[in-house]
Amino acid sequence: MEAVAKLRNCPMSPRKMRLVVDNIRGRKVVDALSILKYTNKEAAMWLEKLVLSAVNNWEQKSDQVGAADDYGLYIKTAFVDPGSIIYRFLPAPQGRAYRVR
């Protein structure tokens, strides 16, 4: 049985997030959580919450409360896509505006 969790609107660059995601892809949930706990990156905090959310989704789906360690859950797929870009405007000469990404 699969469980899915998605992280949306995370204010972090996908390039930085992929460095941490590559470390946990394909690992058991217990190992992934211990790796994320001791990884000194901001992305690790976001991903730790995401993995715990996926485990809770699995528990809700399968009616197995607190049994994630016994079933050998692992992270099947994990990927990072770029999110939306916030466009800002910078005042420019002669009433113009330059767009800043």
Protein backbone atom coordinates (compact mmCIF):
# COMPACT_ATOMS: atom_id res chain seq x y z
CA MET A 1 0.00 0.00 0.00
CA GLU A 2 1.32 3.42 -0.93
CA ALA A 3 0.99 6.75 0.80
CA VAL A 4 1.64 10.10 -0.83
CA ALA A 5 2.63 13.44 0.65
CA LYS A 6 3.30 16.64 -1.29
CA LEU A 7 5.08 19.76 -0.18
CA ARG A 8 3.79 22.89 -1.85
CA ASN A 9 4.79 26.55 -1.69
CA CYS A 10 8.14 25.89 -0.05
CA PRO A 11 10.25 29.06 -0.21
CA MET A 12 13.45 27.29 -1.22
CA SER A 13 15.34 26.75 -4.42
CA PRO A 14 14.83 23.29 -5.96
CA ARG A 15 18.56 22.96 -6.54
CA LYS A 16 19.24 23.21 -2.80
CA MET A 17 16.37 20.86 -1.98
CA ARG A 18 17.57 18.18 -4.43
CA LEU A 19 20.88 17.85 -2.56
CA VAL A 20 19.02 16.52 0.47
CA VAL A 21 16.38 14.53 -1.45
CA ASP A 22 19.11 12.54 -3.20
CA ASN A 23 20.33 11.33 0.20
CA ILE A 24 17.00 9.80 1.26
CA ARG A 25 15.61 8.42 -2.00
CA GLY A 26 15.15 4.63 -1.83
CA ARG A 27 15.94 4.33 1.88
CA LYS A 28 13.83 2.99 4.71
CA VAL A 29 11.77 5.59 6.54
CA VAL A 30 13.62 5.09 9.82
CA ASP A 31 16.99 5.57 8.11
CA ALA A 32 15.75 8.58 6.15
CA LEU A 33 14.46 10.29 9.30
CA SER A 34 17.78 9.78 11.08
CA ILE A 35 19.66 11.17 8.06
CA LEU A 36 17.38 14.20 7.92
CA LYS A 37 17.68 14.80 11.64
CA TYR A 38 21.46 15.20 11.43
CA THR A 39 21.68 16.97 8.08
CA ASN A 40 22.68 20.58 8.54
CA LYS A 41 20.48 22.07 5.80
CA GLU A 42 17.21 23.98 5.93
CA ALA A 43 15.75 21.59 3.37
CA ALA A 44 16.17 18.72 5.84
CA MET A 45 13.66 20.33 8.20
CA TRP A 46 11.04 20.61 5.43
CA LEU A 47 11.66 17.07 4.22
CA GLU A 48 11.52 15.59 7.71
CA LYS A 49 8.03 17.02 8.15
CA LEU A 50 7.08 15.71 4.71
CA VAL A 51 8.27 12.16 5.46
CA LEU A 52 6.42 12.16 8.79
CA SER A 53 3.30 13.35 6.97
CA ALA A 54 3.61 10.49 4.47
CA VAL A 55 3.96 7.99 7.33
CA ASN A 56 0.86 9.41 9.01
CA ASN A 57 -1.02 9.21 5.70
CA TRP A 58 -0.02 5.55 5.43
CA GLU A 59 -1.20 4.87 8.98
CA GLN A 60 -4.56 6.50 8.26
CA LYS A 61 -4.94 4.53 5.05
CA SER A 62 -4.02 1.13 6.47
CA ASP A 63 -5.50 1.50 10.00
CA GLN A 64 -2.13 0.54 11.52
CA VAL A 65 -1.40 3.10 14.23
CA GLY A 66 2.25 3.42 15.24
CA ALA A 67 3.36 0.41 13.22
CA ALA A 68 5.50 2.14 10.59
CA ASP A 69 8.74 0.66 11.94
CA ASP A 70 7.46 -2.91 11.85
CA TYR A 71 6.32 -2.86 8.23
CA GLY A 72 9.64 -1.74 6.73
CA LEU A 73 8.31 1.33 4.96
CA TYR A 74 10.67 2.90 2.47
CA ILE A 75 10.73 5.95 0.25
CA LYS A 76 9.89 4.72 -3.23
CA THR A 77 10.11 7.98 -5.15
CA ALA A 78 11.07 11.49 -4.15
CA PHE A 79 11.53 14.39 -6.54
CA VAL A 80 11.68 18.17 -6.50
CA ASP A 81 10.13 20.37 -9.16
CA PRO A 82 10.46 24.15 -9.39
CA GLY A 83 7.56 26.10 -7.98
CA SER A 84 6.00 29.37 -8.97
CA ILE A 85 8.19 32.43 -9.47
CA ILE A 86 7.33 35.64 -7.66
CA TYR A 87 7.79 38.57 -10.02
CA ARG A 88 8.68 41.93 -8.49
CA PHE A 89 9.18 45.33 -10.07
CA LEU A 90 12.05 47.72 -9.49
CA PRO A 91 11.55 51.42 -10.21
CA ALA A 92 13.49 52.53 -13.28
CA PRO A 93 14.15 55.91 -14.88
CA GLN A 94 11.47 57.83 -16.79
CA GLY A 95 8.55 56.07 -15.10
CA ARG A 96 9.49 52.59 -16.25
CA ALA A 97 9.72 49.46 -14.16
CA TYR A 98 12.25 46.65 -14.45
CA ARG A 99 11.01 43.17 -13.70
CA VAL A 100 12.95 41.21 -11.09
CA ARG A 101 12.61 37.45 -10.72
